[in-house]
Protein backbone atom coordinates (compact mmCIF):
# COMPACT_ATOMS: atom_id res chain seq x y z
CA UNK A 1 -7.12 -46.67 2.00
CA UNK A 2 -4.88 -43.37 0.76
CA UNK A 3 -2.43 -42.00 3.33
CA UNK A 4 -4.38 -38.42 3.00
CA UNK A 5 -7.73 -37.06 2.69
CA UNK A 6 -6.34 -33.97 0.85
CA UNK A 7 -3.10 -33.01 -1.32
CA UNK A 8 -2.96 -29.17 -1.10
CA UNK A 9 -0.56 -27.54 -3.59
CA UNK A 10 0.45 -24.36 -2.59
CA UNK A 11 0.82 -22.74 0.83
CA UNK A 12 -0.74 -19.57 0.36
CA UNK A 13 -3.70 -18.26 1.91
CA UNK A 14 -6.40 -20.45 0.12
CA UNK A 15 -4.33 -23.71 0.77
CA UNK A 16 -3.32 -22.71 4.32
CA UNK A 17 -7.20 -21.68 5.22
CA UNK A 18 -8.53 -25.07 3.46
CA UNK A 19 -5.83 -26.96 5.29
CA UNK A 20 -6.64 -25.42 8.69
CA UNK A 21 -10.70 -26.15 8.08
CA UNK A 22 -10.43 -29.60 7.23
CA UNK A 23 -7.83 -30.51 9.92
CA UNK A 24 -10.33 -29.02 12.34
CA UNK A 25 -12.87 -31.81 11.08
CA UNK A 26 -10.09 -34.43 11.56
CA UNK A 27 -8.92 -34.61 7.87
CA UNK A 28 -5.36 -35.50 7.15
CA UNK A 29 -3.56 -32.95 4.47
CA UNK A 30 -0.38 -32.86 3.01
CA UNK A 31 0.49 -29.24 2.09
CA UNK A 32 3.16 -28.95 -0.90
CA UNK A 33 4.93 -25.95 -2.07
CA UNK A 34 7.84 -25.45 -4.51
CA UNK A 35 9.23 -22.36 -2.90
CA UNK A 36 11.44 -22.93 0.12
CA UNK A 37 8.99 -21.35 2.53
CA UNK A 38 5.30 -21.59 3.25
CA UNK A 39 2.88 -18.46 3.00
CA UNK A 40 2.63 -17.97 -0.79
CA UNK A 41 2.87 -14.14 -1.37
CA UNK A 42 2.29 -13.25 1.97
CA UNK A 43 5.40 -14.53 3.52
CA UNK A 44 7.62 -12.10 5.26
CA UNK A 45 11.40 -12.26 5.37
CA UNK A 46 12.99 -10.82 8.52
CA UNK A 47 15.44 -7.92 7.67
CA UNK A 48 17.13 -5.72 10.36
CA UNK A 49 14.39 -6.76 12.69
CA UNK A 50 11.91 -5.85 10.26
CA UNK A 51 9.23 -8.14 8.77
CA UNK A 52 9.75 -7.45 4.88
CA UNK A 53 6.68 -8.37 2.60
CA UNK A 54 8.76 -10.16 0.34
CA UNK A 55 6.35 -10.53 -2.54
CA UNK A 56 4.92 -6.94 -2.33
CA UNK A 57 2.80 -5.05 0.54
CA UNK A 58 0.04 -6.74 1.89
CA UNK A 59 -2.65 -4.79 4.02
CA UNK A 60 -5.40 -6.86 5.32
CA UNK A 61 -8.76 -5.10 4.85
CA UNK A 62 -12.28 -6.30 4.97
CA UNK A 63 -15.98 -5.41 5.45
CA UNK A 64 -16.56 -9.28 5.97
CA UNK A 65 -17.15 -9.29 9.84
CA UNK A 66 -16.73 -13.17 9.62
CA UNK A 67 -13.59 -13.33 7.60
CA UNK A 68 -12.17 -10.73 10.32
CA UNK A 69 -13.19 -12.48 13.23
CA UNK A 70 -11.63 -15.86 11.67
CA UNK A 71 -8.11 -14.33 11.31
CA UNK A 72 -8.01 -11.94 14.44
CA UNK A 73 -9.28 -15.00 16.56
CA UNK A 74 -5.94 -16.72 15.09
CA UNK A 75 -3.50 -13.71 15.28
CA UNK A 76 -3.48 -10.30 16.57
CA UNK A 77 -3.73 -7.45 14.41
CA UNK A 78 -2.37 -4.01 14.83
CA UNK A 79 -4.21 -0.47 14.12
CA UNK A 80 -2.39 -0.10 10.76
CA UNK A 81 -4.53 2.28 8.20
CA UNK A 82 -3.24 2.22 4.53
CA UNK A 83 -2.74 6.02 3.39
CA UNK A 84 -0.48 5.83 0.47
CA UNK A 85 1.12 9.16 -0.82
CA UNK A 86 1.61 9.75 -4.60
CA UNK A 87 5.23 11.41 -5.77
CA UNK A 88 4.59 13.10 -9.34
CA UNK A 89 8.15 14.57 -10.26
CA UNK A 90 8.81 15.58 -6.63
CA UNK A 91 5.12 16.91 -5.87
CA UNK A 92 3.59 14.91 -2.99
CA UNK A 93 -0.50 14.09 -3.14
CA UNK A 94 -2.52 12.10 -0.54
CA UNK A 95 -4.44 9.22 -1.90
CA UNK A 96 -7.20 8.01 -2.40
CA UNK A 97 -8.37 11.15 -4.15
CA UNK A 98 -9.94 13.37 -1.53
CA UNK A 99 -10.00 16.99 -0.33
CA UNK A 100 -6.37 16.76 0.83
CA UNK A 101 -5.35 15.84 -2.85
CA UNK A 102 -7.86 18.55 -4.43
CA UNK A 103 -6.05 21.27 -2.07
CA UNK A 104 -2.87 19.99 -3.22
CA UNK A 105 -3.73 20.17 -7.06
CA UNK A 106 -5.98 23.23 -6.98
CA UNK A 107 -5.78 25.06 -3.44
CA UNK A 108 -9.55 24.57 -3.23
CA UNK A 109 -10.82 24.21 0.57
CA UNK A 110 -14.38 23.35 0.35
CA UNK A 111 -16.36 20.29 -0.96
CA UNK A 112 -18.18 22.80 -3.22
CA UNK A 113 -15.27 24.13 -4.51
CA UNK A 114 -13.84 20.74 -5.35
CA UNK A 115 -16.83 19.67 -7.10
CA UNK A 116 -17.04 22.78 -9.26
CA UNK A 117 -13.44 22.52 -10.27
CA UNK A 118 -13.98 18.86 -11.20
CA UNK A 119 -16.97 19.74 -13.15
CA UNK A 120 -14.89 22.20 -14.96
CA UNK A 121 -11.87 19.60 -15.85
CA UNK A 122 -14.48 16.92 -17.31
CA UNK A 123 -16.80 19.36 -19.25
CA UNK A 124 -14.63 19.06 -22.54
CA UNK A 125 -15.02 15.19 -22.51
CA UNK A 126 -18.82 15.31 -21.58
CA UNK A 127 -19.60 13.73 -24.96
CA UNK A 128 -17.00 11.39 -25.71
CA UNK A 129 -17.68 7.71 -25.84
CA UNK A 130 -14.33 6.05 -24.28
CA UNK A 131 -12.70 3.68 -26.71
CA UNK A 132 -9.57 3.23 -24.21
CA UNK A 133 -8.28 3.88 -20.85
CA UNK A 134 -7.15 7.37 -21.27
CA UNK A 135 -10.41 8.55 -22.71
CA UNK A 136 -12.54 6.96 -19.86
CA UNK A 137 -10.22 8.73 -17.07
CA UNK A 138 -10.38 12.01 -18.77
CA UNK A 139 -14.18 11.58 -18.71
CA UNK A 140 -14.43 10.52 -15.13
CA UNK A 141 -11.86 13.03 -13.50
CA UNK A 142 -10.36 15.29 -16.15
CA UNK A 143 -6.85 16.37 -17.46
CA UNK A 144 -5.19 17.42 -13.94
CA UNK A 145 -5.85 14.25 -12.03
CA UNK A 146 -5.45 12.26 -14.96
CA UNK A 147 -1.71 13.28 -16.04
CA UNK A 148 -0.36 13.67 -12.63
CA UNK A 149 -1.92 10.78 -10.59
CA UNK A 150 -2.94 8.06 -13.23
CA UNK A 151 -1.38 8.00 -16.30
CA UNK A 152 2.10 7.25 -15.63
CA UNK A 153 1.55 4.83 -12.97
CA UNK A 154 -0.90 2.65 -15.07
CA UNK A 155 1.18 2.82 -18.19
CA UNK A 156 4.12 1.31 -16.09
CA UNK A 157 1.91 -1.24 -14.40
CA UNK A 158 0.51 -2.71 -17.55
CA UNK A 159 3.46 -2.16 -19.86
CA UNK A 160 1.35 -0.14 -22.54
CA UNK A 161 0.13 3.23 -23.27
CA UNK A 162 -2.93 4.28 -21.67
CA UNK A 163 -4.44 4.62 -25.44
CA UNK A 164 -3.58 1.27 -26.01
CA UNK A 165 -5.76 -0.17 -22.65
CA UNK A 166 -9.19 -0.90 -22.74
CA UNK A 167 -11.59 1.39 -20.84
CA UNK A 168 -13.15 -1.08 -18.59
CA UNK A 169 -9.80 -1.40 -16.42
CA UNK A 170 -11.13 2.01 -14.81
CA UNK A 171 -14.87 1.64 -14.43
CA UNK A 172 -15.32 4.22 -11.85
CA UNK A 173 -12.79 6.46 -10.04
CA UNK A 174 -13.79 7.15 -6.47
CA UNK A 175 -13.55 10.82 -5.19
CA UNK A 176 -13.89 11.72 -1.67
CA UNK A 177 -15.25 14.97 -0.58
CA UNK A 178 -13.83 14.71 3.04
CA UNK A 179 -10.23 15.35 4.36
CA UNK A 180 -9.80 11.33 4.77
CA UNK A 181 -6.65 9.42 3.66
CA UNK A 182 -7.71 6.09 4.61
CA UNK A 183 -7.44 4.06 1.49
CA UNK A 184 -9.93 1.72 1.98
CA UNK A 185 -13.57 1.81 3.13
CA UNK A 186 -13.70 -1.24 4.77
CA UNK A 187 -14.38 -1.13 8.48
CA UNK A 188 -11.64 -3.74 9.40
CA UNK A 189 -8.10 -3.36 8.67
CA UNK A 190 -4.59 -4.01 9.99
CA UNK A 191 -1.52 -6.02 9.92
CA UNK A 192 -0.55 -9.21 11.94
CA UNK A 193 1.20 -8.55 14.77
CA UNK A 194 4.63 -9.98 14.28
CA UNK A 195 4.01 -10.27 10.36
CA UNK A 196 1.85 -12.81 8.23
CA UNK A 197 4.17 -15.77 8.77
CA UNK A 198 2.42 -15.69 12.67
CA UNK A 199 -0.81 -16.33 10.70
CA UNK A 200 0.18 -19.02 8.28
CA UNK A 201 1.97 -21.01 10.96
CA UNK A 202 -1.50 -20.72 12.82
CA UNK A 203 -3.32 -22.07 9.92
CA UNK A 204 -0.97 -24.96 8.95
CA UNK A 205 -0.42 -26.25 12.44
CA UNK A 206 -2.21 -29.23 11.85
CA UNK A 207 -1.07 -30.03 8.31
CA UNK A 208 1.75 -32.02 7.27
CA UNK A 209 4.13 -29.49 5.10
CA UNK A 210 6.66 -30.23 2.62
CA UNK A 211 8.75 -27.49 0.93
CA UNK A 212 10.73 -27.31 -2.27
CA UNK A 213 8.35 -29.70 -3.78
CA UNK A 214 6.92 -28.76 -7.49
CA UNK A 215 3.97 -30.86 -8.08
CA UNK A 216 4.34 -31.20 -11.51
CA UNK A 217 7.70 -33.19 -11.18
CA UNK A 218 5.69 -36.09 -10.19
CA UNK A 219 1.95 -35.19 -10.44
CA UNK A 220 0.69 -38.81 -10.95
CA UNK A 221 2.58 -40.14 -7.61
CA UNK A 222 1.35 -36.87 -5.63
CA UNK A 223 -2.30 -37.43 -6.97
CA UNK A 224 -2.42 -40.88 -5.96
CA UNK A 225 -1.55 -40.48 -2.53
CA UNK A 226 -4.79 -38.31 -1.40
CA UNK A 227 -8.51 -38.69 -1.90
CA UNK A 228 -8.77 -35.23 -3.36
CA UNK A 229 -6.09 -32.53 -4.95
CA UNK A 230 -6.63 -28.93 -3.81
CA UNK A 231 -4.84 -27.00 -6.64
CA UNK A 232 -4.05 -23.31 -6.01
CA UNK A 233 -1.42 -22.95 -8.83
CA UNK A 234 -2.02 -21.64 -12.47
CA UNK A 235 -5.03 -23.32 -14.21
CA UNK A 236 -3.72 -23.30 -17.37
CA UNK A 237 -0.42 -25.02 -16.16
CA UNK A 238 -2.52 -27.78 -14.57
CA UNK A 239 -4.08 -28.59 -18.07
CA UNK A 240 -0.75 -28.56 -19.79
CA UNK A 241 -1.21 -25.12 -21.58
CA UNK A 242 -3.62 -27.55 -23.73
CA UNK A 243 -5.65 -24.08 -24.71
CA UNK A 244 -2.75 -21.94 -24.78
CA UNK A 245 -0.96 -19.67 -22.11
CA UNK A 246 -2.58 -17.09 -20.15
CA UNK A 247 -1.22 -13.74 -19.78
CA UNK A 248 -0.13 -12.14 -16.48
CA UNK A 249 1.96 -9.09 -15.45
CA UNK A 250 4.91 -9.42 -13.01
CA UNK A 251 6.78 -7.70 -10.45
CA UNK A 252 10.46 -7.35 -9.69
CA UNK A 253 11.37 -6.49 -5.96
CA UNK A 254 14.67 -4.46 -5.39
CA UNK A 255 15.35 -4.37 -1.40
CA UNK A 256 17.75 -1.97 0.38
CA UNK A 257 18.86 -1.42 3.72
CA UNK A 258 19.38 2.08 4.89
CA UNK A 259 21.10 3.24 7.68
CA UNK A 260 18.61 5.61 8.80
CA UNK A 261 15.43 5.14 11.03
CA UNK A 262 12.83 6.81 8.58
CA UNK A 263 13.31 7.14 4.81
CA UNK A 264 9.95 8.42 3.53
CA UNK A 265 7.82 8.58 6.61
CA UNK A 266 5.26 6.41 5.06
CA UNK A 267 4.73 2.64 4.20
CA UNK A 268 3.65 3.37 0.64
CA UNK A 269 4.67 5.99 -1.81
CA UNK A 270 3.67 5.59 -5.54
CA UNK A 271 5.65 7.26 -8.39
CA UNK A 272 3.07 8.42 -10.95
CA UNK A 273 5.28 9.72 -13.43
CA UNK A 274 6.40 7.59 -16.28
CA UNK A 275 10.09 8.43 -16.05
CA UNK A 276 10.68 6.90 -12.74
CA UNK A 277 11.10 3.20 -13.58
CA UNK A 278 9.32 1.87 -10.57
CA UNK A 279 5.67 2.18 -9.48
CA UNK A 280 6.23 2.61 -5.75
CA UNK A 281 8.74 2.11 -2.79
CA UNK A 282 7.37 0.28 0.16
CA UNK A 283 9.27 1.02 3.73
CA UNK A 284 8.17 -1.95 5.59
CA UNK A 285 8.63 -0.99 9.33
CA UNK A 286 5.97 1.62 9.25
CA UNK A 287 3.54 -1.53 8.63
CA UNK A 288 4.27 -2.22 12.33
CA UNK A 289 5.27 0.98 13.60
CA UNK A 290 9.00 -0.22 13.73
CA UNK A 291 11.38 2.04 16.09
CA UNK A 292 14.72 0.05 14.47
CA UNK A 293 17.77 2.03 14.20
CA UNK A 294 18.07 1.14 10.32
CA UNK A 295 15.05 0.80 7.76
CA UNK A 296 14.44 -1.47 4.78
CA UNK A 297 12.63 -0.21 1.63
CA UNK A 298 11.67 -2.12 -1.57
CA UNK A 299 11.19 -0.55 -5.11
CA UNK A 300 8.70 -2.07 -7.11
CA UNK A 301 9.25 -2.39 -10.82
CA UNK A 302 6.60 -3.82 -13.17
CA UNK A 303 7.81 -6.76 -15.74
CA UNK A 304 6.66 -8.67 -18.70
CA UNK A 305 5.84 -11.99 -17.35
CA UNK A 306 7.18 -15.10 -18.56
CA UNK A 307 7.77 -18.60 -16.97
CA UNK A 308 10.97 -17.60 -15.16
CA UNK A 309 8.98 -14.95 -13.03
CA UNK A 310 6.16 -14.75 -10.59
CA UNK A 311 2.67 -14.44 -11.88
CA UNK A 312 1.02 -11.58 -9.91
CA UNK A 313 -1.68 -9.64 -12.08
CA UNK A 314 -4.01 -11.68 -14.57
CA UNK A 315 -4.62 -9.64 -18.07
CA UNK A 316 -8.52 -9.72 -17.82
CA UNK A 317 -8.93 -8.47 -21.46
CA UNK A 318 -11.48 -10.25 -23.71
CA UNK A 319 -8.86 -12.62 -25.27
CA UNK A 320 -7.55 -13.82 -22.04
CA UNK A 321 -10.92 -14.14 -20.39
CA UNK A 322 -12.54 -16.25 -23.19
CA UNK A 323 -9.26 -18.70 -22.87
CA UNK A 324 -9.90 -18.97 -19.35
CA UNK A 325 -13.53 -19.83 -19.71
CA UNK A 326 -12.15 -22.73 -21.56
CA UNK A 327 -9.96 -23.86 -18.77
CA UNK A 328 -12.75 -23.11 -16.30
CA UNK A 329 -15.25 -25.64 -18.01
CA UNK A 330 -12.55 -28.31 -18.16
CA UNK A 331 -12.11 -27.62 -14.14
CA UNK A 332 -15.70 -28.14 -13.55
CA UNK A 333 -15.56 -31.55 -14.76
CA UNK A 334 -12.68 -32.90 -12.67
CA UNK A 335 -14.28 -34.92 -9.97
CA UNK A 336 -11.30 -35.33 -7.78
CA UNK A 337 -9.78 -31.66 -8.03
CA UNK A 338 -10.59 -28.56 -6.03
CA UNK A 339 -9.34 -25.37 -7.51
CA UNK A 340 -8.84 -22.36 -5.70
CA UNK A 341 -7.09 -19.12 -5.13
CA UNK A 342 -6.10 -16.24 -7.57
CA UNK A 343 -4.14 -18.08 -10.15
CA UNK A 344 -6.50 -21.04 -10.27
CA UNK A 345 -9.34 -18.66 -10.94
CA UNK A 346 -7.38 -16.23 -12.88
CA UNK A 347 -8.54 -13.51 -10.73
CA UNK A 348 -6.74 -10.49 -8.59
CA UNK A 349 -8.46 -11.38 -5.07
CA UNK A 350 -8.00 -9.29 -2.15
CA UNK A 351 -6.97 -11.43 0.92
CA UNK A 352 -10.35 -11.52 2.53
CA UNK A 353 -11.81 -12.77 -0.88
CA UNK A 354 -9.58 -15.71 -0.86
CA UNK A 355 -9.88 -16.74 2.85
CA UNK A 356 -13.66 -16.50 2.17
CA UNK A 357 -13.57 -18.59 -0.86
CA UNK A 358 -11.55 -20.92 1.02
CA UNK A 359 -13.76 -21.18 3.69
CA UNK A 360 -16.55 -21.85 1.50
CA UNK A 361 -14.67 -24.60 -0.31
CA UNK A 362 -13.65 -26.39 2.66
CA UNK A 363 -17.18 -26.26 4.11
CA UNK A 364 -18.49 -27.89 0.47
């Protein structure tokens, strides 16, 4: 008889929710993580009394009532609403693209005026068949919105010129003809009161957790102590890169403590010109309506990924998707391993999708 029912590799949302669910059914879990803290990318570090989102801003939003009830029964959520601002060479615009944005761009005041202006903007591109992201964006929204609010940000994010990116990255661009700065359409949205660590602590309460442990340092021993392995890391690494390495984009975060109570007046400000090297500045206290005397800001710099960096965004082009499919087929025939989470699925999941996937996997 083995010591554990499940060995869970990774203490992020997928692993933590899975551990919580099977723990409720009396199963014994060991959760290991190579980092020195649990929680994966939702981990928050306390700085100046502020919960700093260590691995980038995480704003919970969902239309899935069951998932919302699940997390809000574990911890209390505040009423934070994501309403980012775009800074283009010192000009400020509201996001997502809505009547406030259109007024800031063109001084139009009615939905009819805005629609008419956008029709004018896209008219010259109506007959083109987009062969790259730039042409796709121009066809959808025209030059003004593309140049000021899409081009520079996208090129920084992907590390390539927009003319070198495939058009499918921007399948559609939502345009709202209301004065509504709420970025998400989902009815449920907020931040856990006290930060995401509160949620992770609740989820891992019944599990045994060991940190600073790398599964690959002794995978045979780790795999032998449990009936099944739940693996949430990079799928190509699990299979020793036998088909080759998948591509990712990474990020570098630079934190700064400022001796001011309010630096930018908003949690998220995107810098959409190409010349500014970072894509956005996060001011973390605004996620929880903080009133601390100081503030903490984080600049996000997109990076080319290598094995020394964290893998954040899969590069889901045709080449990488075909490579992932080979790994997916290999994963499907593993009888004692459950693959879950964004890295194991080579997909960018929102938090609610990850939780939904973990709930379904634990039920199976």
